[in-house]
C-alpha atoms as a PDB file:
ATOM      1  CA  MET A   1     -55.749 -89.982  -8.781  1.00  0.00           C
ATOM      2  CA  ASN A   2     -55.671 -93.274  -7.363  1.00  0.00           C
ATOM      3  CA  ASP A   3     -53.254 -96.281  -6.961  1.00  0.00           C
ATOM      4  CA  THR A   4     -53.820 -97.718 -10.625  1.00  0.00           C
ATOM      5  CA  GLN A   5     -55.035 -94.264 -12.423  1.00  0.00           C
ATOM      6  CA  PHE A   6     -53.791 -90.996 -12.976  1.00  0.00           C
ATOM      7  CA  GLU A   7     -54.767 -88.083 -15.294  1.00  0.00           C
ATOM      8  CA  ALA A   8     -52.236 -85.796 -17.001  1.00  0.00           C
ATOM      9  CA  VAL A   9     -52.285 -83.190 -19.585  1.00  0.00           C
ATOM     10  CA  PHE A  10     -49.720 -83.214 -22.072  1.00  0.00           C
ATOM     11  CA  ASN A  11     -48.609 -80.641 -25.092  1.00  0.00           C
ATOM     12  CA  PHE A  12     -46.901 -82.139 -28.346  1.00  0.00           C
ATOM     13  CA  PRO A  13     -45.025 -79.869 -30.842  1.00  0.00           C
ATOM     14  CA  ALA A  14     -46.560 -79.623 -34.174  1.00  0.00           C
ATOM     15  CA  GLU A  15     -43.623 -82.011 -35.564  1.00  0.00           C
ATOM     16  CA  ALA A  16     -44.282 -84.857 -33.213  1.00  0.00           C
ATOM     17  CA  SER A  17     -44.775 -88.236 -34.920  1.00  0.00           C
ATOM     18  CA  ALA A  18     -47.745 -90.743 -34.621  1.00  0.00           C
ATOM     19  CA  GLY A  19     -47.005 -93.963 -32.409  1.00  0.00           C
ATOM     20  CA  SER A  20     -46.542 -95.290 -28.998  1.00  0.00           C
ATOM     21  CA  TRP A  21     -44.938 -92.617 -26.605  1.00  0.00           C
ATOM     22  CA  ASP A  22     -43.246 -93.553 -22.845  1.00  0.00           C
ATOM     23  CA  VAL A  23     -43.844 -91.480 -20.212  1.00  0.00           C
ATOM     24  CA  HIS A  24     -40.807 -90.535 -17.764  1.00  0.00           C
ATOM     25  CA  VAL A  25     -42.044 -88.941 -14.426  1.00  0.00           C
ATOM     26  CA  ASP A  26     -38.992 -88.712 -11.705  1.00  0.00           C
ATOM     27  CA  ASP A  27     -38.018 -92.344 -11.333  1.00  0.00           C
ATOM     28  CA  MET A  28     -41.292 -93.917 -12.794  1.00  0.00           C
ATOM     29  CA  VAL A  29     -41.141 -94.964 -16.276  1.00  0.00           C
ATOM     30  CA  LEU A  30     -44.635 -96.126 -18.248  1.00  0.00           C
ATOM     31  CA  ILE A  31     -43.486 -97.992 -21.317  1.00  0.00           C
ATOM     32  CA  GLU A  32     -45.919 -97.148 -24.196  1.00  0.00           C
ATOM     33  CA  GLY A  33     -48.025 -95.496 -21.774  1.00  0.00           C
ATOM     34  CA  PHE A  34     -50.202 -93.693 -24.241  1.00  0.00           C
ATOM     35  CA  THR A  35     -50.503 -93.332 -28.404  1.00  0.00           C
ATOM     36  CA  VAL A  36     -50.586 -90.570 -30.364  1.00  0.00           C
ATOM     37  CA  ASN A  37     -52.739 -90.581 -33.551  1.00  0.00           C
ATOM     38  CA  LEU A  38     -52.292 -87.663 -35.808  1.00  0.00           C
ATOM     39  CA  LEU A  39     -54.594 -86.433 -38.400  1.00  0.00           C
ATOM     40  CA  SER A  40     -53.487 -84.461 -41.437  1.00  0.00           C
ATOM     41  CA  GLY A  41     -55.260 -82.005 -43.544  1.00  0.00           C
ATOM     42  CA  ILE A  42     -57.153 -80.570 -40.716  1.00  0.00           C
ATOM     43  CA  GLY A  43     -55.877 -77.040 -39.809  1.00  0.00           C
ATOM     44  CA  ASP A  44     -56.084 -75.189 -36.328  1.00  0.00           C
ATOM     45  CA  PRO A  45     -59.204 -72.785 -36.842  1.00  0.00           C
ATOM     46  CA  LEU A  46     -57.219 -70.370 -35.048  1.00  0.00           C
ATOM     47  CA  GLU A  47     -54.320 -70.167 -37.448  1.00  0.00           C
ATOM     48  CA  THR A  48     -56.330 -70.474 -40.278  1.00  0.00           C
ATOM     49  CA  LEU A  49     -59.626 -68.019 -39.881  1.00  0.00           C
ATOM     50  CA  VAL A  50     -58.414 -65.974 -37.223  1.00  0.00           C
ATOM     51  CA  ARG A  51     -56.758 -62.555 -38.408  1.00  0.00           C
ATOM     52  CA  THR A  52     -55.392 -59.741 -36.398  1.00  0.00           C
ATOM     53  CA  PHE A  53     -54.306 -56.521 -38.112  1.00  0.00           C
ATOM     54  CA  PRO A  54     -52.431 -54.203 -38.953  1.00  0.00           C
ATOM     55  CA  ASN A  55     -49.123 -55.105 -37.578  1.00  0.00           C
ATOM     56  CA  PRO A  56     -47.434 -52.669 -36.792  1.00  0.00           C
ATOM     57  CA  ALA A  57     -50.356 -50.539 -35.307  1.00  0.00           C
ATOM     58  CA  SER A  58     -50.677 -47.106 -33.296  1.00  0.00           C
ATOM     59  CA  HIS A  59     -54.133 -46.804 -32.142  1.00  0.00           C
ATOM     60  CA  LEU A  60     -56.487 -49.486 -32.840  1.00  0.00           C
ATOM     61  CA  PHE A  61     -55.966 -53.182 -34.297  1.00  0.00           C
ATOM     62  CA  PHE A  62     -58.802 -55.475 -35.384  1.00  0.00           C
ATOM     63  CA  ILE A  63     -59.461 -59.248 -34.693  1.00  0.00           C
ATOM     64  CA  GLU A  64     -61.537 -61.424 -37.436  1.00  0.00           C
ATOM     65  CA  ASN A  65     -63.340 -64.146 -37.146  1.00  0.00           C
ATOM     66  CA  ALA A  66     -63.056 -64.525 -33.393  1.00  0.00           C
ATOM     67  CA  ALA A  67     -66.511 -63.877 -32.155  1.00  0.00           C
ATOM     68  CA  GLY A  68     -66.603 -65.647 -28.522  1.00  0.00           C
ATOM     69  CA  ALA A  69     -62.930 -65.539 -28.106  1.00  0.00           C
ATOM     70  CA  ASP A  70     -61.092 -64.039 -24.731  1.00  0.00           C
ATOM     71  CA  MET A  71     -58.112 -61.752 -25.952  1.00  0.00           C
ATOM     72  CA  THR A  72     -55.478 -60.810 -23.768  1.00  0.00           C
ATOM     73  CA  VAL A  73     -52.499 -58.214 -24.404  1.00  0.00           C
ATOM     74  CA  PHE A  74     -49.571 -58.789 -22.464  1.00  0.00           C
ATOM     75  CA  ASN A  75     -46.168 -56.726 -21.993  1.00  0.00           C
ATOM     76  CA  THR A  76     -42.888 -58.312 -22.903  1.00  0.00           C
ATOM     77  CA  MET A  77     -42.472 -58.873 -18.697  1.00  0.00           C
ATOM     78  CA  GLY A  78     -45.869 -60.808 -19.010  1.00  0.00           C
ATOM     79  CA  LYS A  79     -48.177 -58.379 -17.067  1.00  0.00           C
ATOM     80  CA  ASN A  80     -51.655 -58.236 -18.594  1.00  0.00           C
ATOM     81  CA  ILE A  81     -52.441 -55.071 -20.283  1.00  0.00           C
ATOM     82  CA  VAL A  82     -55.416 -55.464 -22.033  1.00  0.00           C
ATOM     83  CA  ALA A  83     -58.152 -58.035 -21.764  1.00  0.00           C
ATOM     84  CA  GLN A  84     -61.105 -58.310 -23.471  1.00  0.00           C
ATOM     85  CA  LYS A  85     -64.027 -60.583 -24.916  1.00  0.00           C
ATOM     86  CA  ILE A  86     -64.375 -60.617 -28.494  1.00  0.00           C
ATOM     87  CA  THR A  87     -68.127 -60.607 -29.227  1.00  0.00           C
ATOM     88  CA  SER A  88     -68.052 -59.554 -32.865  1.00  0.00           C
ATOM     89  CA  GLU A  89     -66.705 -61.295 -36.026  1.00  0.00           C
ATOM     90  CA  MET A  90     -64.693 -57.919 -36.622  1.00  0.00           C
ATOM     91  CA  GLN A  91     -63.642 -56.140 -33.469  1.00  0.00           C
ATOM     92  CA  ALA A  92     -61.418 -53.336 -32.815  1.00  0.00           C
ATOM     93  CA  ILE A  93     -59.209 -53.345 -30.018  1.00  0.00           C
ATOM     94  CA  ASP A  94     -57.713 -50.048 -28.591  1.00  0.00           C
ATOM     95  CA  ILE A  95     -54.215 -49.622 -27.838  1.00  0.00           C
ATOM     96  CA  SER A  96     -54.033 -45.829 -27.961  1.00  0.00           C
ATOM     97  CA  ARG A  97     -52.771 -45.989 -24.246  1.00  0.00           C
ATOM     98  CA  LEU A  98     -49.980 -48.399 -24.926  1.00  0.00           C
ATOM     99  CA  SER A  99     -46.422 -47.053 -25.335  1.00  0.00           C
ATOM    100  CA  PRO A 100     -44.641 -47.871 -27.861  1.00  0.00           C
ATOM    101  CA  GLY A 101     -43.009 -51.222 -28.295  1.00  0.00           C
ATOM    102  CA  ILE A 102     -43.380 -55.068 -28.719  1.00  0.00           C
ATOM    103  CA  TYR A 103     -46.684 -57.017 -27.089  1.00  0.00           C
ATOM    104  CA  ILE A 104     -47.669 -60.449 -26.957  1.00  0.00           C
ATOM    105  CA  VAL A 105     -51.788 -60.959 -27.955  1.00  0.00           C
ATOM    106  CA  ARG A 106     -53.107 -64.118 -26.775  1.00  0.00           C
ATOM    107  CA  ILE A 107     -56.491 -65.043 -28.210  1.00  0.00           C
ATOM    108  CA  MET A 108     -58.178 -68.361 -26.512  1.00  0.00           C
ATOM    109  CA  MET A 109     -61.248 -70.026 -28.166  1.00  0.00           C
ATOM    110  CA  ASN A 110     -62.743 -73.472 -27.729  1.00  0.00           C
ATOM    111  CA  GLY A 111     -59.687 -74.473 -25.651  1.00  0.00           C
ATOM    112  CA  ASN A 112     -57.488 -73.371 -28.374  1.00  0.00           C
ATOM    113  CA  ASP A 113     -54.739 -70.562 -28.091  1.00  0.00           C
ATOM    114  CA  ARG A 114     -52.987 -68.323 -30.686  1.00  0.00           C
ATOM    115  CA  VAL A 115     -50.162 -66.150 -29.511  1.00  0.00           C
ATOM    116  CA  GLU A 116     -48.657 -63.621 -31.668  1.00  0.00           C
ATOM    117  CA  LYS A 117     -46.594 -60.485 -31.502  1.00  0.00           C
ATOM    118  CA  LEU A 118     -47.628 -56.955 -31.975  1.00  0.00           C
ATOM    119  CA  LEU A 119     -45.630 -54.218 -32.454  1.00  0.00           C
ATOM    120  CA  VAL A 120     -47.033 -50.831 -31.221  1.00  0.00           C
ATOM    121  CA  ASN A 121     -45.807 -47.395 -32.798  1.00  0.00           C
END
């Protein structure tokens, strides 16, 4: 960062439209500060290939097609309950010590995240 250049990370919703966007930061406004180009027909590999099952689960659940990913299970308070590196194309995750309830599974791979609910019986 210097007087003429800065770096920032922006997250856009999937329904964002292509075009020029203004940036508003406190009292500073950059008109047409950046351009968003959207590609169609290319799906998110985590959404289309990675699969978790069964849901609901009781003792184990499986993650398919995510070798190399990092997986974390959180409780509804945001506490990290299980963290594991996915090392195979079909990996079993032991959840036998979890109390029944709703948990959040986060899979991070190649700069992409997939988050979903998991019901433990």
